[in-house]
Every structure is written in structure tokens, then in C-alpha cells.
Amino acid sequence: MAKKILMLVGDYAEDYETMVPFQALQMVGHTVDAVCPDKKAGDACATAIHDFEGDQTYTEKRGHNFTLNATFAEIDPAVYDALVIPGGRAPEYLRLNERVLEIVRHFAQADKPIAAVCHGAQLLAAAGVLEGKTCSAYPACAPEVKLAGGTYAEIPVDQAHTDGNLVTAPAWPAHPAWLAQFLAVLGTRIVH
């Protein structure tokens, strides 16, 4: 059964962590509404491409413009079955928006599936929904996970972790594992 999924996006969300799940979830039949505070359907968010090139942290380059297909001010989280939180620098900004935090809390309190990757854990921590949960994230977010009462899952960058309805991963190299685990939590079956 197709699900209706909400994706929280902001300027400088990681390009791959936004585009790939947005397209992949639609490809398997789900409806995905991508929104950003203070923006409406048809507006664009600038994305960033983060890469791992041997430095102590990732490097950043300008990505694509990602066109939103829904209006933030008009969404009702109650009509959605699941939530996707891409990483990048967007969560750092989005976590300052109380309405965004209320939306994240809605999904957690209703025990609806949540998929977060990379810095998406910053939104989970700021919303106060990590207490007693184990999640992965970009390693620099581990202190925030722990301070929010969660347990940080230190896993390879190409792996994902599921705790109940929460599916998390360290970064975009985990897309195959992260999306597969999220689809399992959603109850999506792909038959070959």
C-alpha cells in the first residue's frame, strides 16, 4: 500500500540525501511532499554536495536547486504516514523553527516511521525524541545524540540502523541500506 511521506528540507540540505530518497520513494509508489519553512510549492532550496576526501571532516560544494512540491504553511503532519529528514547543514537551521520541531515530535509520539540521515539527528535531538533510542548519524553529531538521551550507533558509513520505527544512517553512502530498512519499516514489498 502506498504511503504519504513528508520530507523536511532546507537550504544546504545534502544534495544526495535529498534527491535520492525523494526520487526512490516515489519510484516505488509512495507520495513524497518536500517542504521547507517559509517556502511554498515551486520554490527551490539550494543543496550542498558533501564528500569524504581524506580530510578530518567532509568537504562542501554547491549542489543543485531542489524544487519543493508542497507548501510548508499548509501541511498537516497527521495526514502523513512517515517522515524523512535529510542531512547536510539544513538541520542546523531547521532545528531553530518550533513548527519543524512540533512536526518531528508528532511523528515520534504517533510512532510513525522516521528516516534520518547524517546531520538529520540534529533535528531529532532538538525535538527531544531520542530518549532511550539508538540511532546513527554523521559522527560529529554523536555528542548531540548522547546529550538528547539517545545511544549513538557507531556503524560504517555505508550501513544503517533501525530502532523500532526510527531508521538512521551516517551519510549518503548508506543509501542502499538506509532506504531498504526504511522501506521494510514502511511495509513496502518489492517483488522481483
N, C-alpha and C. Protein backbone atom coordinates (compact mmCIF):
# COMPACT_ATOMS: atom_id res chain seq x y z
N MET A 1 0.84 -1.18 0.00
CA MET A 1 0.00 0.00 0.00
C MET A 1 0.88 1.24 0.00
N ALA A 2 0.60 2.16 -0.88
CA ALA A 2 1.38 3.39 -0.99
C ALA A 2 1.21 4.25 0.25
N LYS A 3 2.29 4.89 0.66
CA LYS A 3 2.30 5.75 1.83
C LYS A 3 2.48 7.20 1.41
N LYS A 4 2.04 8.08 2.27
CA LYS A 4 2.24 9.51 2.07
C LYS A 4 3.35 9.94 3.02
N ILE A 5 4.44 10.44 2.46
CA ILE A 5 5.65 10.73 3.23
C ILE A 5 5.96 12.22 3.17
N LEU A 6 6.32 12.78 4.31
CA LEU A 6 6.73 14.17 4.41
C LEU A 6 8.25 14.23 4.49
N MET A 7 8.85 15.12 3.71
CA MET A 7 10.30 15.33 3.74
C MET A 7 10.57 16.78 4.16
N LEU A 8 11.35 16.95 5.25
CA LEU A 8 11.72 18.28 5.73
C LEU A 8 13.06 18.69 5.11
N VAL A 9 13.02 19.73 4.29
CA VAL A 9 14.19 20.18 3.54
C VAL A 9 14.49 21.62 3.93
N GLY A 10 15.73 22.01 3.77
CA GLY A 10 16.12 23.40 3.98
C GLY A 10 17.30 23.72 3.08
N ASP A 11 17.63 24.99 2.97
CA ASP A 11 18.78 25.36 2.17
C ASP A 11 20.02 24.66 2.71
N TYR A 12 20.81 24.17 1.80
CA TYR A 12 22.05 23.44 2.07
C TYR A 12 21.83 22.10 2.75
N ALA A 13 20.65 21.52 2.48
CA ALA A 13 20.49 20.09 2.77
C ALA A 13 21.46 19.38 1.83
N GLU A 14 21.93 18.23 2.24
CA GLU A 14 22.87 17.49 1.40
C GLU A 14 22.14 17.03 0.14
N ASP A 15 22.71 17.33 -1.00
CA ASP A 15 22.10 17.07 -2.30
C ASP A 15 21.64 15.63 -2.45
N TYR A 16 22.55 14.66 -2.29
CA TYR A 16 22.21 13.25 -2.48
C TYR A 16 21.19 12.79 -1.46
N GLU A 17 21.31 13.27 -0.22
CA GLU A 17 20.42 12.84 0.85
C GLU A 17 19.01 13.41 0.70
N THR A 18 18.87 14.36 -0.21
CA THR A 18 17.56 14.93 -0.52
C THR A 18 17.01 14.30 -1.80
N MET A 19 17.79 14.40 -2.87
CA MET A 19 17.33 13.94 -4.19
C MET A 19 17.07 12.43 -4.23
N VAL A 20 18.01 11.64 -3.74
CA VAL A 20 17.89 10.18 -3.88
C VAL A 20 16.66 9.63 -3.16
N PRO A 21 16.46 9.91 -1.86
CA PRO A 21 15.25 9.36 -1.24
C PRO A 21 13.96 9.94 -1.82
N PHE A 22 13.98 11.21 -2.19
CA PHE A 22 12.79 11.83 -2.79
C PHE A 22 12.38 11.05 -4.04
N GLN A 23 13.34 10.75 -4.91
CA GLN A 23 13.04 10.05 -6.15
C GLN A 23 12.80 8.56 -5.93
N ALA A 24 13.61 7.93 -5.08
CA ALA A 24 13.49 6.49 -4.86
C ALA A 24 12.15 6.12 -4.22
N LEU A 25 11.72 6.91 -3.26
CA LEU A 25 10.44 6.62 -2.60
C LEU A 25 9.27 6.79 -3.56
N GLN A 26 9.37 7.78 -4.45
CA GLN A 26 8.33 7.93 -5.48
C GLN A 26 8.38 6.78 -6.48
N MET A 27 9.59 6.33 -6.79
CA MET A 27 9.76 5.26 -7.77
C MET A 27 9.02 3.99 -7.34
N VAL A 28 8.97 3.73 -6.04
CA VAL A 28 8.29 2.52 -5.57
C VAL A 28 6.82 2.77 -5.23
N GLY A 29 6.31 3.95 -5.59
CA GLY A 29 4.88 4.20 -5.50
C GLY A 29 4.40 5.09 -4.36
N HIS A 30 5.30 5.56 -3.52
CA HIS A 30 4.90 6.43 -2.42
C HIS A 30 4.78 7.88 -2.90
N THR A 31 3.96 8.65 -2.21
CA THR A 31 3.85 10.09 -2.45
C THR A 31 4.78 10.79 -1.47
N VAL A 32 5.63 11.68 -1.96
CA VAL A 32 6.56 12.39 -1.10
C VAL A 32 6.33 13.89 -1.26
N ASP A 33 5.98 14.56 -0.17
CA ASP A 33 5.84 16.01 -0.17
C ASP A 33 7.06 16.62 0.50
N ALA A 34 7.82 17.40 -0.26
CA ALA A 34 9.02 18.06 0.25
C ALA A 34 8.67 19.50 0.60
N VAL A 35 8.96 19.88 1.84
CA VAL A 35 8.63 21.22 2.32
C VAL A 35 9.81 21.87 3.02
N CYS A 36 9.76 23.19 3.12
CA CYS A 36 10.77 23.98 3.81
C CYS A 36 10.07 25.18 4.46
N PRO A 37 10.42 25.49 5.71
CA PRO A 37 9.81 26.66 6.35
C PRO A 37 9.96 27.92 5.49
N ASP A 38 8.92 28.71 5.48
CA ASP A 38 8.89 30.00 4.77
C ASP A 38 8.94 29.86 3.25
N LYS A 39 8.71 28.64 2.74
CA LYS A 39 8.71 28.44 1.29
C LYS A 39 7.45 27.68 0.89
N LYS A 40 7.10 27.83 -0.39
CA LYS A 40 5.89 27.17 -0.90
C LYS A 40 6.23 26.28 -2.08
N ALA A 41 5.26 25.49 -2.50
CA ALA A 41 5.44 24.62 -3.66
C ALA A 41 5.93 25.45 -4.84
N GLY A 42 6.95 24.93 -5.52
CA GLY A 42 7.54 25.63 -6.66
C GLY A 42 8.79 26.41 -6.30
N ASP A 43 8.95 26.76 -5.02
CA ASP A 43 10.19 27.41 -4.59
C ASP A 43 11.31 26.37 -4.56
N ALA A 44 12.55 26.86 -4.54
CA ALA A 44 13.69 25.95 -4.54
C ALA A 44 14.55 26.15 -3.30
N CYS A 45 15.20 25.07 -2.90
CA CYS A 45 16.23 25.11 -1.86
C CYS A 45 17.56 24.82 -2.54
N ALA A 46 18.57 25.58 -2.19
CA ALA A 46 19.92 25.27 -2.66
C ALA A 46 20.41 24.07 -1.88
N THR A 47 21.04 23.12 -2.55
CA THR A 47 21.60 21.97 -1.86
C THR A 47 23.12 22.07 -1.85
N ALA A 48 23.73 21.21 -1.04
CA ALA A 48 25.19 21.14 -0.97
C ALA A 48 25.62 19.70 -1.19
N ILE A 49 26.78 19.54 -1.80
CA ILE A 49 27.35 18.21 -2.00
C ILE A 49 28.49 18.05 -1.02
N HIS A 50 28.34 17.09 -0.14
CA HIS A 50 29.38 16.80 0.85
C HIS A 50 30.12 15.54 0.42
N ASP A 51 31.43 15.60 0.50
CA ASP A 51 32.22 14.45 0.08
C ASP A 51 33.29 14.16 1.12
N PHE A 52 33.78 12.95 1.07
CA PHE A 52 34.78 12.48 2.02
C PHE A 52 36.07 12.29 1.22
N GLU A 53 36.98 13.28 1.36
CA GLU A 53 38.18 13.30 0.52
C GLU A 53 39.47 13.16 1.33
N GLY A 54 39.36 12.58 2.51
CA GLY A 54 40.55 12.35 3.31
C GLY A 54 40.85 13.41 4.35
N ASP A 55 40.04 14.44 4.40
CA ASP A 55 40.23 15.47 5.42
C ASP A 55 39.60 15.01 6.73
N GLN A 56 39.78 15.80 7.78
CA GLN A 56 39.20 15.43 9.08
C GLN A 56 37.68 15.47 9.06
N THR A 57 37.11 16.22 8.15
CA THR A 57 35.67 16.29 8.01
C THR A 57 35.34 16.30 6.52
N TYR A 58 34.08 16.38 6.18
CA TYR A 58 33.68 16.40 4.79
C TYR A 58 34.01 17.73 4.14
N THR A 59 34.07 17.74 2.81
CA THR A 59 34.19 18.99 2.07
C THR A 59 32.82 19.34 1.53
N GLU A 60 32.62 20.60 1.17
CA GLU A 60 31.31 21.04 0.70
C GLU A 60 31.43 21.81 -0.60
N LYS A 61 30.55 21.45 -1.54
CA LYS A 61 30.44 22.16 -2.82
C LYS A 61 28.96 22.48 -3.05
N ARG A 62 28.69 23.48 -3.85
CA ARG A 62 27.31 23.84 -4.17
C ARG A 62 26.67 22.72 -4.97
N GLY A 63 25.46 22.36 -4.59
CA GLY A 63 24.72 21.32 -5.29
C GLY A 63 23.71 21.89 -6.26
N HIS A 64 22.63 21.17 -6.43
CA HIS A 64 21.56 21.57 -7.34
C HIS A 64 20.52 22.42 -6.60
N ASN A 65 19.62 22.99 -7.36
CA ASN A 65 18.43 23.59 -6.78
C ASN A 65 17.38 22.49 -6.69
N PHE A 66 16.84 22.28 -5.51
CA PHE A 66 15.82 21.26 -5.29
C PHE A 66 14.48 21.96 -5.20
N THR A 67 13.56 21.64 -6.11
CA THR A 67 12.26 22.30 -6.15
C THR A 67 11.29 21.61 -5.20
N LEU A 68 10.72 22.39 -4.31
CA LEU A 68 9.73 21.88 -3.35
C LEU A 68 8.41 21.62 -4.06
N ASN A 69 7.68 20.62 -3.61
CA ASN A 69 6.42 20.30 -4.26
C ASN A 69 5.21 20.47 -3.33
N ALA A 70 5.44 21.03 -2.15
CA ALA A 70 4.35 21.31 -1.21
C ALA A 70 4.70 22.57 -0.43
N THR A 71 3.69 23.16 0.19
CA THR A 71 3.87 24.42 0.92
C THR A 71 3.91 24.13 2.42
N PHE A 72 4.98 24.54 3.07
CA PHE A 72 5.19 24.26 4.49
C PHE A 72 4.02 24.72 5.35
N ALA A 73 3.54 25.94 5.12
CA ALA A 73 2.48 26.51 5.95
C ALA A 73 1.16 25.75 5.84
N GLU A 74 1.01 24.94 4.82
CA GLU A 74 -0.26 24.24 4.59
C GLU A 74 -0.26 22.78 5.02
N ILE A 75 0.88 22.25 5.46
CA ILE A 75 0.91 20.82 5.76
C ILE A 75 0.30 20.50 7.12
N ASP A 76 -0.30 19.33 7.17
CA ASP A 76 -0.84 18.77 8.41
C ASP A 76 -0.14 17.43 8.62
N PRO A 77 0.76 17.33 9.59
CA PRO A 77 1.51 16.09 9.75
C PRO A 77 0.63 14.87 10.01
N ALA A 78 -0.59 15.08 10.49
CA ALA A 78 -1.48 13.97 10.78
C ALA A 78 -1.86 13.17 9.53
N VAL A 79 -1.79 13.78 8.36
CA VAL A 79 -2.18 13.08 7.14
C VAL A 79 -1.03 12.28 6.52
N TYR A 80 0.15 12.36 7.13
CA TYR A 80 1.32 11.66 6.59
C TYR A 80 1.59 10.39 7.38
N ASP A 81 2.11 9.39 6.65
CA ASP A 81 2.43 8.10 7.25
C ASP A 81 3.85 8.02 7.77
N ALA A 82 4.75 8.87 7.26
CA ALA A 82 6.16 8.78 7.62
C ALA A 82 6.86 10.10 7.37
N LEU A 83 8.06 10.22 7.92
CA LEU A 83 8.87 11.44 7.83
C LEU A 83 10.27 11.09 7.38
N VAL A 84 10.84 11.91 6.48
CA VAL A 84 12.23 11.78 6.04
C VAL A 84 12.95 13.09 6.35
N ILE A 85 14.12 12.95 6.99
CA ILE A 85 14.95 14.11 7.34
C ILE A 85 16.32 13.95 6.70
N PRO A 86 16.58 14.66 5.59
CA PRO A 86 17.91 14.63 5.00
C PRO A 86 18.92 15.35 5.89
N GLY A 87 20.19 15.09 5.65
CA GLY A 87 21.24 15.75 6.42
C GLY A 87 21.76 16.99 5.74
N GLY A 88 23.05 17.23 5.89
CA GLY A 88 23.66 18.45 5.41
C GLY A 88 23.60 19.51 6.48
N ARG A 89 23.71 20.76 6.06
CA ARG A 89 23.66 21.85 7.04
C ARG A 89 22.25 22.31 7.35
N ALA A 90 21.27 21.89 6.57
CA ALA A 90 19.88 22.32 6.78
C ALA A 90 19.36 22.02 8.18
N PRO A 91 19.59 20.82 8.75
CA PRO A 91 19.05 20.55 10.08
C PRO A 91 19.52 21.54 11.15
N GLU A 92 20.73 22.05 10.99
CA GLU A 92 21.25 23.05 11.94
C GLU A 92 20.34 24.27 11.99
N TYR A 93 19.83 24.67 10.83
CA TYR A 93 18.92 25.80 10.73
C TYR A 93 17.49 25.40 11.07
N LEU A 94 17.05 24.27 10.53
CA LEU A 94 15.66 23.84 10.73
C LEU A 94 15.33 23.62 12.20
N ARG A 95 16.30 23.20 13.00
CA ARG A 95 16.03 22.91 14.41
C ARG A 95 15.71 24.16 15.21
N LEU A 96 15.89 25.33 14.63
CA LEU A 96 15.54 26.58 15.29
C LEU A 96 14.08 26.96 15.08
N ASN A 97 13.37 26.22 14.24
CA ASN A 97 11.98 26.51 13.90
C ASN A 97 11.08 25.63 14.77
N GLU A 98 10.31 26.24 15.64
CA GLU A 98 9.46 25.49 16.57
C GLU A 98 8.43 24.63 15.84
N ARG A 99 7.90 25.11 14.73
CA ARG A 99 6.92 24.31 13.98
C ARG A 99 7.56 23.04 13.43
N VAL A 100 8.81 23.13 12.97
CA VAL A 100 9.53 21.95 12.49
C VAL A 100 9.67 20.95 13.64
N LEU A 101 10.04 21.44 14.82
CA LEU A 101 10.20 20.55 15.97
C LEU A 101 8.87 19.90 16.36
N GLU A 102 7.78 20.65 16.27
CA GLU A 102 6.45 20.08 16.55
C GLU A 102 6.12 18.96 15.56
N ILE A 103 6.49 19.16 14.31
CA ILE A 103 6.23 18.13 13.29
C ILE A 103 7.02 16.87 13.60
N VAL A 104 8.29 17.02 13.94
CA VAL A 104 9.12 15.86 14.28
C VAL A 104 8.53 15.15 15.50
N ARG A 105 8.12 15.91 16.50
CA ARG A 105 7.52 15.32 17.71
C ARG A 105 6.24 14.56 17.37
N HIS A 106 5.44 15.10 16.46
CA HIS A 106 4.21 14.42 16.05
C HIS A 106 4.51 13.00 15.56
N PHE A 107 5.48 12.88 14.66
CA PHE A 107 5.81 11.57 14.10
C PHE A 107 6.34 10.63 15.17
N ALA A 108 7.18 11.14 16.06
CA ALA A 108 7.74 10.29 17.12
C ALA A 108 6.65 9.86 18.11
N GLN A 109 5.81 10.79 18.54
CA GLN A 109 4.78 10.47 19.52
C GLN A 109 3.71 9.54 18.95
N ALA A 110 3.46 9.65 17.64
CA ALA A 110 2.48 8.78 16.99
C ALA A 110 3.11 7.46 16.55
N ASP A 111 4.38 7.27 16.83
CA ASP A 111 5.14 6.07 16.46
C ASP A 111 5.05 5.79 14.96
N LYS A 112 5.12 6.87 14.18
CA LYS A 112 5.17 6.75 12.72
C LYS A 112 6.63 6.61 12.30
N PRO A 113 6.91 5.94 11.19
CA PRO A 113 8.28 5.79 10.72
C PRO A 113 8.97 7.12 10.47
N ILE A 114 10.21 7.19 10.90
CA ILE A 114 11.07 8.35 10.67
C ILE A 114 12.39 7.84 10.12
N ALA A 115 12.84 8.42 9.01
CA ALA A 115 14.15 8.12 8.44
C ALA A 115 14.98 9.40 8.49
N ALA A 116 16.12 9.33 9.15
CA ALA A 116 17.02 10.48 9.24
C ALA A 116 18.42 10.03 8.87
N VAL A 117 19.12 10.87 8.13
CA VAL A 117 20.47 10.53 7.69
C VAL A 117 21.41 11.69 8.02
N CYS A 118 22.65 11.36 8.34
CA CYS A 118 23.71 12.34 8.53
C CYS A 118 23.36 13.31 9.68
N HIS A 119 23.32 14.60 9.38
CA HIS A 119 23.02 15.62 10.39
C HIS A 119 21.54 15.71 10.72
N GLY A 120 20.70 14.86 10.12
CA GLY A 120 19.27 14.83 10.45
C GLY A 120 19.04 14.56 11.92
N ALA A 121 20.00 13.90 12.56
CA ALA A 121 19.90 13.63 14.01
C ALA A 121 19.85 14.92 14.82
N GLN A 122 20.35 16.02 14.27
CA GLN A 122 20.27 17.29 14.98
C GLN A 122 18.81 17.69 15.20
N LEU A 123 17.96 17.41 14.23
CA LEU A 123 16.53 17.71 14.38
C LEU A 123 15.89 16.79 15.41
N LEU A 124 16.26 15.51 15.37
CA LEU A 124 15.72 14.56 16.34
C LEU A 124 16.13 14.96 17.76
N ALA A 125 17.38 15.35 17.93
CA ALA A 125 17.88 15.76 19.25
C ALA A 125 17.16 17.03 19.73
N ALA A 126 17.06 18.02 18.85
CA ALA A 126 16.42 19.28 19.23
C ALA A 126 14.94 19.10 19.55
N ALA A 127 14.30 18.14 18.90
CA ALA A 127 12.88 17.87 19.16
C ALA A 127 12.68 17.03 20.42
N GLY A 128 13.77 16.52 20.97
CA GLY A 128 13.67 15.73 22.20
C GLY A 128 13.06 14.36 22.01
N VAL A 129 13.33 13.72 20.85
CA VAL A 129 12.69 12.43 20.59
C VAL A 129 13.68 11.26 20.59
N LEU A 130 14.89 11.48 21.09
CA LEU A 130 15.90 10.42 21.08
C LEU A 130 16.04 9.69 22.41
N GLU A 131 15.36 10.13 23.43
CA GLU A 131 15.46 9.49 24.75
C GLU A 131 15.19 7.99 24.63
N GLY A 132 16.18 7.18 25.03
CA GLY A 132 16.03 5.74 25.01
C GLY A 132 16.16 5.10 23.64
N LYS A 133 16.45 5.87 22.61
CA LYS A 133 16.58 5.36 21.25
C LYS A 133 18.05 5.20 20.89
N THR A 134 18.32 4.28 19.99
CA THR A 134 19.66 4.13 19.42
C THR A 134 19.58 4.60 17.98
N CYS A 135 20.48 5.48 17.60
CA CYS A 135 20.49 5.96 16.22
C CYS A 135 21.90 6.24 15.76
N SER A 136 22.06 6.23 14.47
CA SER A 136 23.31 6.61 13.85
C SER A 136 23.15 8.02 13.29
N ALA A 137 24.27 8.60 12.93
CA ALA A 137 24.30 9.95 12.37
C ALA A 137 25.71 10.20 11.89
N TYR A 138 25.93 11.34 11.29
CA TYR A 138 27.30 11.73 10.98
C TYR A 138 28.05 11.78 12.32
N PRO A 139 29.26 11.23 12.40
CA PRO A 139 29.95 11.11 13.69
C PRO A 139 30.03 12.41 14.50
N ALA A 140 30.09 13.55 13.85
CA ALA A 140 30.16 14.82 14.58
C ALA A 140 28.88 15.12 15.34
N CYS A 141 27.81 14.39 15.05
CA CYS A 141 26.53 14.57 15.75
C CYS A 141 26.38 13.63 16.94
N ALA A 142 27.35 12.74 17.16
CA ALA A 142 27.27 11.78 18.26
C ALA A 142 27.06 12.46 19.61
N PRO A 143 27.78 13.57 19.91
CA PRO A 143 27.54 14.22 21.21
C PRO A 143 26.10 14.71 21.38
N GLU A 144 25.49 15.20 20.31
CA GLU A 144 24.10 15.67 20.39
C GLU A 144 23.14 14.51 20.65
N VAL A 145 23.40 13.38 19.99
CA VAL A 145 22.56 12.20 20.21
C VAL A 145 22.63 11.80 21.68
N LYS A 146 23.84 11.76 22.23
CA LYS A 146 24.03 11.35 23.62
C LYS A 146 23.43 12.37 24.60
N LEU A 147 23.61 13.66 24.32
CA LEU A 147 23.05 14.70 25.19
C LEU A 147 21.53 14.69 25.18
N ALA A 148 20.94 14.19 24.09
CA ALA A 148 19.48 14.12 23.98
C ALA A 148 18.93 12.83 24.59
N GLY A 149 19.80 12.03 25.22
CA GLY A 149 19.34 10.81 25.88
C GLY A 149 19.33 9.58 25.01
N GLY A 150 19.91 9.70 23.81
CA GLY A 150 19.97 8.56 22.91
C GLY A 150 21.30 7.84 23.01
N THR A 151 21.37 6.71 22.36
CA THR A 151 22.61 5.96 22.24
C THR A 151 23.07 6.08 20.80
N TYR A 152 24.32 6.51 20.62
CA TYR A 152 24.86 6.68 19.28
C TYR A 152 25.36 5.34 18.76
N ALA A 153 24.86 4.93 17.59
CA ALA A 153 25.30 3.70 16.94
C ALA A 153 26.45 4.03 16.01
N GLU A 154 27.63 3.63 16.41
CA GLU A 154 28.82 3.87 15.57
C GLU A 154 28.93 2.71 14.58
N ILE A 155 28.52 2.99 13.35
CA ILE A 155 28.49 1.97 12.30
C ILE A 155 29.25 2.48 11.08
N PRO A 156 29.64 1.59 10.16
CA PRO A 156 30.30 2.05 8.93
C PRO A 156 29.43 3.04 8.16
N VAL A 157 30.08 3.91 7.41
CA VAL A 157 29.39 4.99 6.70
C VAL A 157 28.41 4.47 5.66
N ASP A 158 28.54 3.20 5.26
CA ASP A 158 27.63 2.64 4.26
C ASP A 158 26.57 1.72 4.86
N GLN A 159 26.38 1.80 6.17
CA GLN A 159 25.39 0.98 6.86
C GLN A 159 24.29 1.85 7.47
N ALA A 160 23.22 1.21 7.92
CA ALA A 160 22.10 1.92 8.55
C ALA A 160 21.70 1.16 9.81
N HIS A 161 20.93 1.83 10.66
CA HIS A 161 20.47 1.23 11.91
C HIS A 161 18.97 1.49 12.08
N THR A 162 18.25 0.45 12.49
CA THR A 162 16.82 0.58 12.76
C THR A 162 16.55 0.31 14.23
N ASP A 163 15.83 1.21 14.87
CA ASP A 163 15.37 1.04 16.25
C ASP A 163 13.86 1.31 16.23
N GLY A 164 13.07 0.25 16.22
CA GLY A 164 11.62 0.42 16.11
C GLY A 164 11.28 1.03 14.77
N ASN A 165 10.65 2.20 14.78
CA ASN A 165 10.28 2.90 13.55
C ASN A 165 11.28 3.98 13.16
N LEU A 166 12.41 4.04 13.84
CA LEU A 166 13.45 5.04 13.53
C LEU A 166 14.57 4.38 12.73
N VAL A 167 14.78 4.87 11.52
CA VAL A 167 15.83 4.35 10.64
C VAL A 167 16.83 5.47 10.39
N THR A 168 18.10 5.21 10.75
CA THR A 168 19.12 6.26 10.65
C THR A 168 20.38 5.72 9.98
N ALA A 169 21.19 6.64 9.46
CA ALA A 169 22.44 6.28 8.80
C ALA A 169 23.42 7.45 8.91
N PRO A 170 24.73 7.14 8.81
CA PRO A 170 25.74 8.19 8.97
C PRO A 170 25.83 9.19 7.82
N ALA A 171 25.58 8.75 6.58
CA ALA A 171 25.76 9.65 5.43
C ALA A 171 25.24 8.98 4.16
N TRP A 172 25.30 9.71 3.05
CA TRP A 172 24.73 9.23 1.79
C TRP A 172 25.31 7.91 1.29
N PRO A 173 26.54 7.50 1.61
CA PRO A 173 26.98 6.18 1.13
C PRO A 173 26.10 5.04 1.67
N ALA A 174 25.30 5.30 2.68
CA ALA A 174 24.42 4.28 3.27
C ALA A 174 23.07 4.19 2.57
N HIS A 175 22.84 4.94 1.50
CA HIS A 175 21.52 4.93 0.87
C HIS A 175 20.95 3.54 0.63
N PRO A 176 21.69 2.58 0.06
CA PRO A 176 21.08 1.26 -0.16
C PRO A 176 20.56 0.63 1.13
N ALA A 177 21.37 0.64 2.18
CA ALA A 177 20.94 0.04 3.45
C ALA A 177 19.85 0.86 4.11
N TRP A 178 20.01 2.18 4.13
CA TRP A 178 19.06 3.08 4.79
C TRP A 178 17.69 3.01 4.13
N LEU A 179 17.65 3.11 2.81
CA LEU A 179 16.37 3.06 2.12
C LEU A 179 15.73 1.68 2.22
N ALA A 180 16.54 0.62 2.14
CA ALA A 180 15.98 -0.74 2.27
C ALA A 180 15.34 -0.92 3.64
N GLN A 181 16.03 -0.47 4.70
CA GLN A 181 15.48 -0.60 6.05
C GLN A 181 14.23 0.28 6.22
N PHE A 182 14.24 1.47 5.66
CA PHE A 182 13.07 2.35 5.74
C PHE A 182 11.88 1.73 5.01
N LEU A 183 12.12 1.16 3.83
CA LEU A 183 11.04 0.51 3.09
C LEU A 183 10.47 -0.67 3.88
N ALA A 184 11.33 -1.39 4.58
CA ALA A 184 10.85 -2.51 5.42
C ALA A 184 9.96 -2.00 6.54
N VAL A 185 10.37 -0.91 7.18
CA VAL A 185 9.56 -0.33 8.26
C VAL A 185 8.23 0.18 7.70
N LEU A 186 8.25 0.72 6.48
CA LEU A 186 7.02 1.20 5.85
C LEU A 186 6.11 0.05 5.43
N GLY A 187 6.66 -1.17 5.36
CA GLY A 187 5.88 -2.31 4.88
C GLY A 187 5.85 -2.42 3.37
N THR A 188 6.78 -1.74 2.71
CA THR A 188 6.85 -1.76 1.25
C THR A 188 7.51 -3.05 0.80
N ARG A 189 6.84 -3.76 -0.07
CA ARG A 189 7.41 -5.01 -0.60
C ARG A 189 7.73 -4.82 -2.06
N ILE A 190 8.93 -5.19 -2.42
CA ILE A 190 9.35 -5.15 -3.82
C ILE A 190 9.57 -6.59 -4.25
N VAL A 191 8.86 -7.01 -5.27
CA VAL A 191 8.93 -8.39 -5.74
C VAL A 191 9.65 -8.43 -7.08
N HIS A 192 10.60 -9.33 -7.18
CA HIS A 192 11.37 -9.47 -8.43
C HIS A 192 10.82 -10.59 -9.26
